[in-house]
């Protein structure tokens, strides 16, 4: 009995020492991450507060700097991202959905066709394992696919690299395209989000309650990526109901992205530089495949949808919700149309990708089992 007590005490002591040693490493990682976000934001690069930290912390990891991720706070940080995604659903959107049903329905077909080409590309050209190839090739959001893919057993470092590279490539290629056609200037983008000081105290309370309720509801219902999907669903419900029209404070969103970018960047501690370079090259090929399919759908169906070619390109392009919406703003496109399509894309992928993956895995097991019995 005494030995067991001594062993337990020693274990607690080791964990306390490890935490104490990790704090300076975590602080250094967050400091590097913040500098990366500031520089990316100053350079007006896409998703600066997420991709800046990922790039800078990844470089720090490759340089073998003494950094560590703030991993314990991850479940709570993704709550902010979930509430932010849900805040994009407003009552005004419901008035336009009838006009966009055909376009939104074909978006699901587009996602299926893209996955049909890109997942095998990562599986057989990239030689990724099946789980990693599936979530790297499914055109969802960077955060969502990284966290869900990790929970399903995939390599979150490769998944994160694939989606981070995809977003950067899509935004820059789309910016170049529209600069040539409608004089779009990516440096002239607006700043997204609502400052803390502008949001009423009652709305702040409602948003906080949505995050807390969604956090526990997601865990209770065992949703995929529960601390992300739960808050997103609750936030969407209260925004569609008109309880609040406010998004989470922009400062909080920036902090959440810095923490998440730090955590993702720290995944590359001990990773060979060659792996990172290879992943980016693979992502370039995958992105060109997706953009080719995007162009095919836009050219074939934009008149059928009653939309311009440019608007369908923006709505279907596999870039980030915020960045594609800002490009739409800069070129005087219908922002709601573009934003709704990207929100539906993210929602469809977050909700359907884990379910489809589970069903596919069961089908393969059944097929293998049937083959063994013959």
Protein backbone atom coordinates (compact mmCIF):
# COMPACT_ATOMS: atom_id res chain seq x y z
CA UNK A 1 0.00 0.00 0.00
CA UNK A 2 2.83 2.35 0.91
CA UNK A 3 4.67 1.52 -2.31
CA UNK A 4 1.57 2.30 -4.39
CA UNK A 5 1.15 5.63 -2.60
CA UNK A 6 4.83 6.48 -3.15
CA UNK A 7 4.51 5.56 -6.84
CA UNK A 8 1.44 7.78 -7.23
CA UNK A 9 3.20 10.67 -5.53
CA UNK A 10 6.25 10.24 -7.75
CA UNK A 11 4.03 10.21 -10.85
CA UNK A 12 2.32 13.44 -9.78
CA UNK A 13 5.74 15.00 -9.12
CA UNK A 14 7.02 14.01 -12.59
CA UNK A 15 3.93 15.50 -14.24
CA UNK A 16 4.33 18.73 -12.28
CA UNK A 17 7.98 18.96 -13.32
CA UNK A 18 7.06 18.29 -16.97
CA UNK A 19 4.45 21.06 -16.85
CA UNK A 20 6.93 23.48 -15.32
CA UNK A 21 9.52 22.66 -17.98
CA UNK A 22 6.91 22.96 -20.77
CA UNK A 23 5.66 26.44 -19.77
CA UNK A 24 8.68 28.34 -21.16
CA UNK A 25 8.53 26.21 -24.33
CA UNK A 26 4.81 26.95 -24.73
CA UNK A 27 5.43 30.65 -24.14
CA UNK A 28 8.16 30.68 -26.80
CA UNK A 29 5.90 28.88 -29.29
CA UNK A 30 3.05 31.35 -28.67
CA UNK A 31 5.45 34.28 -29.00
CA UNK A 32 6.75 33.00 -32.35
CA UNK A 33 3.18 32.29 -33.43
CA UNK A 34 2.04 35.82 -32.61
CA UNK A 35 4.92 37.35 -34.56
CA UNK A 36 4.00 35.16 -37.54
CA UNK A 37 0.38 36.32 -37.39
CA UNK A 38 1.39 39.98 -37.16
CA UNK A 39 3.73 39.68 -40.17
CA UNK A 40 1.21 37.74 -42.29
CA UNK A 41 -1.48 40.28 -41.41
CA UNK A 42 0.85 43.18 -42.31
CA UNK A 43 1.61 41.51 -45.65
CA UNK A 44 -2.18 41.05 -46.19
CA UNK A 45 -1.71 37.33 -46.75
CA UNK A 46 -4.71 34.95 -46.56
CA UNK A 47 -5.84 33.67 -43.15
CA UNK A 48 -2.98 35.56 -41.46
CA UNK A 49 -3.71 34.63 -37.84
CA UNK A 50 -3.90 30.93 -38.67
CA UNK A 51 -1.40 30.40 -41.47
CA UNK A 52 1.17 32.88 -40.09
CA UNK A 53 1.50 30.95 -36.82
CA UNK A 54 1.56 27.61 -38.65
CA UNK A 55 4.37 28.73 -40.97
CA UNK A 56 6.50 30.41 -38.29
CA UNK A 57 6.07 27.66 -35.69
CA UNK A 58 6.77 25.01 -38.32
CA UNK A 59 10.01 26.78 -39.22
CA UNK A 60 10.86 26.97 -35.51
CA UNK A 61 10.21 23.23 -35.20
CA UNK A 62 12.45 22.49 -38.18
CA UNK A 63 15.17 24.64 -36.61
CA UNK A 64 14.88 22.50 -33.46
CA UNK A 65 13.96 25.46 -31.25
CA UNK A 66 12.71 24.48 -27.76
CA UNK A 67 8.96 24.85 -28.35
CA UNK A 68 5.91 22.96 -27.12
CA UNK A 69 2.20 23.18 -28.01
CA UNK A 70 -0.48 24.57 -25.65
CA UNK A 71 -2.31 21.28 -26.20
CA UNK A 72 -4.38 21.22 -22.97
CA UNK A 73 -6.39 24.27 -24.08
CA UNK A 74 -7.21 22.87 -27.55
CA UNK A 75 -10.73 21.54 -26.70
CA UNK A 76 -11.72 24.96 -25.34
CA UNK A 77 -10.12 27.02 -28.10
CA UNK A 78 -11.99 25.21 -30.89
CA UNK A 79 -15.25 26.22 -29.18
CA UNK A 80 -14.61 29.79 -30.39
CA UNK A 81 -14.17 28.58 -33.98
CA UNK A 82 -17.40 26.58 -33.73
CA UNK A 83 -19.39 29.56 -32.47
CA UNK A 84 -17.85 31.68 -35.24
CA UNK A 85 -18.94 29.20 -37.95
CA UNK A 86 -22.46 29.09 -36.53
CA UNK A 87 -22.71 32.88 -36.43
CA UNK A 88 -22.73 32.95 -40.23
CA UNK A 89 -26.33 31.66 -40.27
CA UNK A 90 -28.80 34.55 -40.07
CA UNK A 91 -32.59 34.78 -40.62
CA UNK A 92 -32.04 36.86 -43.79
CA UNK A 93 -30.33 33.89 -45.44
CA UNK A 94 -33.58 31.89 -45.27
CA UNK A 95 -35.25 34.34 -47.70
CA UNK A 96 -32.71 33.54 -50.43
CA UNK A 97 -32.33 29.80 -49.97
CA UNK A 98 -35.17 29.00 -52.36
CA UNK A 99 -33.38 30.79 -55.20
CA UNK A 100 -30.13 29.01 -54.41
CA UNK A 101 -31.40 25.47 -53.86
CA UNK A 102 -30.30 24.25 -57.28
CA UNK A 103 -26.84 25.74 -56.87
CA UNK A 104 -26.54 24.37 -53.33
CA UNK A 105 -27.69 20.94 -54.48
CA UNK A 106 -25.07 20.86 -57.23
CA UNK A 107 -22.49 21.92 -54.61
CA UNK A 108 -22.98 18.54 -52.95
CA UNK A 109 -22.37 16.87 -56.32
CA UNK A 110 -19.25 19.02 -56.78
CA UNK A 111 -17.91 17.93 -53.38
CA UNK A 112 -18.51 14.27 -54.27
CA UNK A 113 -16.79 14.59 -57.66
CA UNK A 114 -13.82 16.45 -56.14
CA UNK A 115 -13.39 13.83 -53.45
CA UNK A 116 -13.68 11.10 -56.08
CA UNK A 117 -10.59 12.46 -57.83
CA UNK A 118 -8.53 14.01 -55.03
CA UNK A 119 -8.73 11.24 -52.41
CA UNK A 120 -7.28 8.61 -54.80
CA UNK A 121 -4.68 11.21 -55.84
CA UNK A 122 -3.43 11.45 -52.25
CA UNK A 123 -3.78 7.69 -51.75
CA UNK A 124 -1.90 6.49 -54.83
CA UNK A 125 0.23 9.46 -55.95
CA UNK A 126 0.97 10.78 -52.46
CA UNK A 127 0.99 7.26 -50.94
CA UNK A 128 -0.91 8.47 -47.88
CA UNK A 129 -2.60 5.95 -45.64
CA UNK A 130 -6.36 5.64 -46.32
CA UNK A 131 -7.49 7.82 -43.38
CA UNK A 132 -5.02 10.61 -44.09
CA UNK A 133 -5.77 10.53 -47.84
CA UNK A 134 -9.50 10.73 -47.14
CA UNK A 135 -9.35 13.79 -44.89
CA UNK A 136 -6.56 15.49 -46.86
CA UNK A 137 -8.59 15.12 -50.06
CA UNK A 138 -11.98 16.14 -48.65
CA UNK A 139 -12.41 19.90 -49.33
CA UNK A 140 -13.45 21.07 -45.88
CA UNK A 141 -11.95 23.73 -43.62
CA UNK A 142 -8.37 23.53 -42.36
CA UNK A 143 -9.36 23.32 -38.68
CA UNK A 144 -12.25 20.93 -39.19
CA UNK A 145 -10.46 18.41 -41.39
CA UNK A 146 -7.30 18.51 -39.28
CA UNK A 147 -9.11 17.83 -36.01
CA UNK A 148 -11.65 15.32 -37.34
CA UNK A 149 -8.93 13.52 -39.33
CA UNK A 150 -6.76 13.29 -36.21
CA UNK A 151 -9.68 11.93 -34.18
CA UNK A 152 -10.29 9.30 -36.87
CA UNK A 153 -6.67 8.14 -36.74
CA UNK A 154 -5.12 10.13 -39.61
CA UNK A 155 -1.82 12.00 -39.72
CA UNK A 156 -2.92 15.51 -38.73
CA UNK A 157 0.42 17.03 -39.77
CA UNK A 158 -0.05 15.93 -43.39
CA UNK A 159 -3.75 16.83 -43.33
CA UNK A 160 -2.97 20.31 -41.97
CA UNK A 161 -0.28 20.87 -44.58
CA UNK A 162 -2.58 19.72 -47.38
CA UNK A 163 -5.39 22.09 -46.40
CA UNK A 164 -3.15 25.04 -45.47
CA UNK A 165 -1.43 24.80 -48.84
CA UNK A 166 -4.76 24.41 -50.62
CA UNK A 167 -6.20 27.57 -49.07
CA UNK A 168 -3.12 29.66 -49.90
CA UNK A 169 -2.95 28.36 -53.48
CA UNK A 170 -6.68 28.84 -54.11
CA UNK A 171 -6.76 32.39 -52.74
CA UNK A 172 -3.70 33.51 -54.66
CA UNK A 173 -4.83 31.87 -57.92
CA UNK A 174 -8.34 33.31 -57.60
CA UNK A 175 -6.89 36.73 -56.76
CA UNK A 176 -4.68 36.56 -59.86
CA UNK A 177 -7.64 35.48 -62.00
CA UNK A 178 -9.89 38.32 -60.83
CA UNK A 179 -7.07 40.85 -60.97
CA UNK A 180 -6.81 40.05 -64.69
CA UNK A 181 -10.58 40.10 -65.26
CA UNK A 182 -12.04 42.67 -62.84
CA UNK A 183 -8.97 44.46 -61.40
CA UNK A 184 -9.29 42.82 -57.98
CA UNK A 185 -6.51 43.92 -55.59
CA UNK A 186 -5.85 41.45 -52.73
CA UNK A 187 -4.09 44.18 -50.74
CA UNK A 188 -7.34 46.13 -50.57
CA UNK A 189 -9.19 43.61 -48.46
CA UNK A 190 -11.39 44.61 -45.57
CA UNK A 191 -10.87 43.42 -42.02
CA UNK A 192 -13.30 40.77 -40.82
CA UNK A 193 -14.97 40.41 -37.44
CA UNK A 194 -16.60 42.65 -34.85
CA UNK A 195 -14.51 44.26 -32.06
CA UNK A 196 -15.22 43.38 -28.44
CA UNK A 197 -16.26 46.96 -27.64
CA UNK A 198 -19.01 46.98 -30.29
CA UNK A 199 -20.81 43.79 -29.23
CA UNK A 200 -23.53 44.35 -26.57
CA UNK A 201 -22.98 42.66 -23.21
CA UNK A 202 -26.16 40.59 -23.64
CA UNK A 203 -24.89 39.23 -26.96
CA UNK A 204 -21.54 38.36 -25.41
CA UNK A 205 -23.42 36.39 -22.74
CA UNK A 206 -25.53 34.57 -25.37
CA UNK A 207 -22.45 33.68 -27.42
CA UNK A 208 -20.64 32.42 -24.32
CA UNK A 209 -23.68 30.34 -23.38
CA UNK A 210 -23.81 28.88 -26.90
CA UNK A 211 -20.18 27.84 -26.58
CA UNK A 212 -20.65 26.23 -23.17
CA UNK A 213 -23.91 24.46 -24.07
CA UNK A 214 -22.49 23.33 -27.41
CA UNK A 215 -19.32 22.04 -25.75
CA UNK A 216 -21.21 19.70 -23.41
CA UNK A 217 -23.92 18.85 -25.96
CA UNK A 218 -21.30 17.77 -28.50
CA UNK A 219 -19.64 15.52 -25.93
CA UNK A 220 -22.98 14.14 -24.73
CA UNK A 221 -24.17 13.31 -28.26
CA UNK A 222 -20.73 11.99 -29.23
CA UNK A 223 -20.63 14.18 -32.33
CA UNK A 224 -17.55 14.09 -34.58
CA UNK A 225 -15.09 16.77 -33.35
CA UNK A 226 -17.63 17.43 -30.53
CA UNK A 227 -16.13 20.62 -29.11
CA UNK A 228 -16.21 22.16 -32.60
CA UNK A 229 -19.46 20.79 -34.07
CA UNK A 230 -21.53 21.16 -30.88
CA UNK A 231 -20.90 24.91 -30.48
CA UNK A 232 -21.35 25.40 -34.25
CA UNK A 233 -24.82 23.81 -34.19
CA UNK A 234 -25.98 25.71 -31.11
CA UNK A 235 -24.59 28.98 -32.51
CA UNK A 236 -26.35 28.38 -35.85
CA UNK A 237 -29.62 27.72 -34.01
CA UNK A 238 -29.54 30.95 -32.00
CA UNK A 239 -28.46 33.03 -35.00
CA UNK A 240 -31.18 31.58 -37.25
CA UNK A 241 -33.66 32.21 -34.43
CA UNK A 242 -32.61 35.84 -34.26
CA UNK A 243 -31.56 35.59 -30.61
CA UNK A 244 -28.36 37.42 -31.58
CA UNK A 245 -26.81 38.67 -34.80
CA UNK A 246 -23.31 39.09 -33.42
CA UNK A 247 -20.29 36.90 -34.20
CA UNK A 248 -17.70 36.18 -31.51
CA UNK A 249 -15.37 39.14 -30.85
CA UNK A 250 -12.69 39.48 -33.52
CA UNK A 251 -10.00 39.70 -30.84
CA UNK A 252 -11.09 36.34 -29.42
CA UNK A 253 -11.13 34.79 -32.89
CA UNK A 254 -7.59 36.04 -33.50
CA UNK A 255 -6.40 34.58 -30.19
CA UNK A 256 -8.12 31.26 -30.95
CA UNK A 257 -6.44 31.08 -34.35
CA UNK A 258 -3.04 31.87 -32.83
CA UNK A 259 -3.43 29.03 -30.34
CA UNK A 260 -4.68 26.61 -32.99
CA UNK A 261 -1.94 27.62 -35.41
CA UNK A 262 0.62 27.06 -32.66
CA UNK A 263 -0.75 23.61 -31.90
CA UNK A 264 -0.76 22.61 -35.58
CA UNK A 265 2.72 24.05 -36.17
CA UNK A 266 4.11 22.16 -33.20
CA UNK A 267 2.97 18.92 -34.83
CA UNK A 268 6.03 19.29 -37.05
CA UNK A 269 8.53 19.00 -34.20
CA UNK A 270 10.96 16.30 -35.33
CA UNK A 271 9.54 16.12 -38.88
CA UNK A 272 11.98 16.00 -41.78
CA UNK A 273 11.97 19.09 -44.07
CA UNK A 274 11.59 16.81 -47.08
CA UNK A 275 8.20 15.62 -45.84
CA UNK A 276 6.90 19.19 -45.63
CA UNK A 277 8.16 20.11 -49.10
CA UNK A 278 6.68 16.94 -50.58
CA UNK A 279 3.31 17.63 -48.93
CA UNK A 280 3.17 21.14 -50.42
CA UNK A 281 3.94 19.82 -53.92
CA UNK A 282 1.24 17.18 -53.53
CA UNK A 283 -1.21 19.83 -52.37
CA UNK A 284 -0.44 21.92 -55.45
CA UNK A 285 -1.47 19.00 -57.69
CA UNK A 286 -4.60 18.30 -55.63
CA UNK A 287 -5.59 21.99 -55.68
CA UNK A 288 -5.20 22.23 -59.45
CA UNK A 289 -7.47 19.17 -59.80
CA UNK A 290 -10.12 20.78 -57.57
CA UNK A 291 -9.92 24.14 -59.35
CA UNK A 292 -10.27 22.42 -62.73
CA UNK A 293 -13.45 20.74 -61.47
CA UNK A 294 -14.62 24.11 -60.07
CA UNK A 295 -14.15 25.75 -63.47
CA UNK A 296 -15.97 22.89 -65.19
CA UNK A 297 -18.98 23.24 -62.89
CA UNK A 298 -19.01 27.06 -63.15
CA UNK A 299 -18.84 27.08 -66.94
CA UNK A 300 -21.43 24.31 -67.30
CA UNK A 301 -24.04 25.44 -64.78
CA UNK A 302 -23.75 29.20 -64.03
CA UNK A 303 -26.54 30.13 -66.49
CA UNK A 304 -28.71 27.31 -65.10
CA UNK A 305 -28.18 28.74 -61.58
CA UNK A 306 -29.01 32.28 -62.75
CA UNK A 307 -25.59 33.50 -61.56
CA UNK A 308 -22.52 34.93 -63.24
CA UNK A 309 -19.52 32.75 -63.98
CA UNK A 310 -17.42 34.71 -61.45
CA UNK A 311 -19.91 34.25 -58.63
CA UNK A 312 -20.13 30.50 -59.11
CA UNK A 313 -16.33 30.31 -59.25
CA UNK A 314 -16.11 32.15 -55.92
CA UNK A 315 -18.89 30.07 -54.36
CA UNK A 316 -17.46 26.70 -55.45
CA UNK A 317 -13.71 27.45 -55.17
CA UNK A 318 -12.22 25.31 -52.35
CA UNK A 319 -10.76 28.26 -50.45
CA UNK A 320 -11.53 29.69 -47.01
CA UNK A 321 -14.95 31.12 -46.15
CA UNK A 322 -13.56 34.44 -44.92
CA UNK A 323 -11.11 34.89 -47.79
CA UNK A 324 -13.56 33.98 -50.56
CA UNK A 325 -16.12 36.34 -49.00
CA UNK A 326 -13.55 39.14 -48.96
CA UNK A 327 -12.67 38.52 -52.60
CA UNK A 328 -16.41 38.67 -53.37
CA UNK A 329 -16.62 41.97 -51.50
CA UNK A 330 -13.70 43.42 -53.44
CA UNK A 331 -15.22 42.52 -56.81
CA UNK A 332 -18.76 43.66 -55.88
CA UNK A 333 -20.18 40.15 -56.07
CA UNK A 334 -23.16 38.96 -54.01
CA UNK A 335 -21.40 38.19 -50.74
CA UNK A 336 -24.34 36.31 -49.20
CA UNK A 337 -24.44 33.87 -52.14
CA UNK A 338 -20.70 33.17 -51.86
CA UNK A 339 -20.68 32.96 -48.05
CA UNK A 340 -23.71 30.66 -47.84
CA UNK A 341 -22.16 28.22 -50.31
CA UNK A 342 -18.92 28.06 -48.33
CA UNK A 343 -20.79 27.67 -45.04
CA UNK A 344 -22.86 24.85 -46.55
CA UNK A 345 -19.69 23.26 -47.95
CA UNK A 346 -18.02 23.31 -44.52
CA UNK A 347 -21.18 22.08 -42.80
CA UNK A 348 -21.71 19.27 -45.31
CA UNK A 349 -18.11 18.13 -45.04
CA UNK A 350 -17.98 18.35 -41.23
CA UNK A 351 -21.26 16.47 -40.90
CA UNK A 352 -20.92 13.97 -43.73
CA UNK A 353 -17.19 13.20 -44.04
CA UNK A 354 -16.82 11.23 -40.78
CA UNK A 355 -20.11 9.35 -41.40
CA UNK A 356 -19.19 8.53 -45.00
CA UNK A 357 -15.72 7.42 -43.90
CA UNK A 358 -17.17 5.11 -41.23
CA UNK A 359 -19.64 3.58 -43.70
CA UNK A 360 -16.89 3.11 -46.29
CA UNK A 361 -14.68 1.41 -43.73
CA UNK A 362 -17.50 -0.95 -42.70
CA UNK A 363 -18.22 -1.77 -46.36
CA UNK A 364 -14.56 -2.63 -46.98
CA UNK A 365 -14.46 -4.83 -43.88
CA UNK A 366 -17.64 -6.62 -44.96
CA UNK A 367 -16.23 -7.08 -48.46
CA UNK A 368 -12.99 -8.49 -47.07
CA UNK A 369 -14.93 -10.77 -44.73
CA UNK A 370 -17.11 -12.05 -47.57
CA UNK A 371 -13.98 -12.71 -49.63
CA UNK A 372 -12.45 -14.77 -46.81
CA UNK A 373 -15.54 -16.97 -46.53
CA UNK A 374 -15.60 -17.87 -50.24
